[in-house]
């Protein structure tokens, strides 16, 4: 993944690049903040935890040819991350064999939201996924995260399916 520079405002430029092992502290902090938001909204599903990924897990993730791991930086300050996995086409005969990239995590620091960082990360994933042969991008949004849902819809994402639940 090449280096991309985007202007946030007349005063701020940010860079998007592939993550390296040295980015683990930023990844861990952002992924933890994302998990904490989910845990606060749905404590019945998301348990409190210290680290979602160990540094060794992160290293394996970066080594996988099916992973897209991007970081946005303002100078040397990390301001956002986006993680996606290339999913091979299903082998079921009743489905078309479509290779897709699935975005698992997108997180942008609060002070950089609505400044184009999230949009640039998604566009960078689109480029990288296309280079890896993906034809689509999928992601999942929890209904409590209406801001994220609106953001993704503005970028052209549409509902593909709905998962429902009932407590017993």
Foldseek 3Di string as FASTA:
>chain_A
DDKDWDALDPVWIKIKDFDDLVCVVVVFVQVLVVLVVVCVVCVVPRPRDRGPADSVRVNVQSPDPQKGWMFMGGVNHTFKIWIKGWDFFDPDPVDDGFIEIEIEDIGGHPVSPPRCPSVVNVVVVVVVNVVVPGPYYHYDDDPVPVVVVVVVVVVPDDDPDDDDDDDD
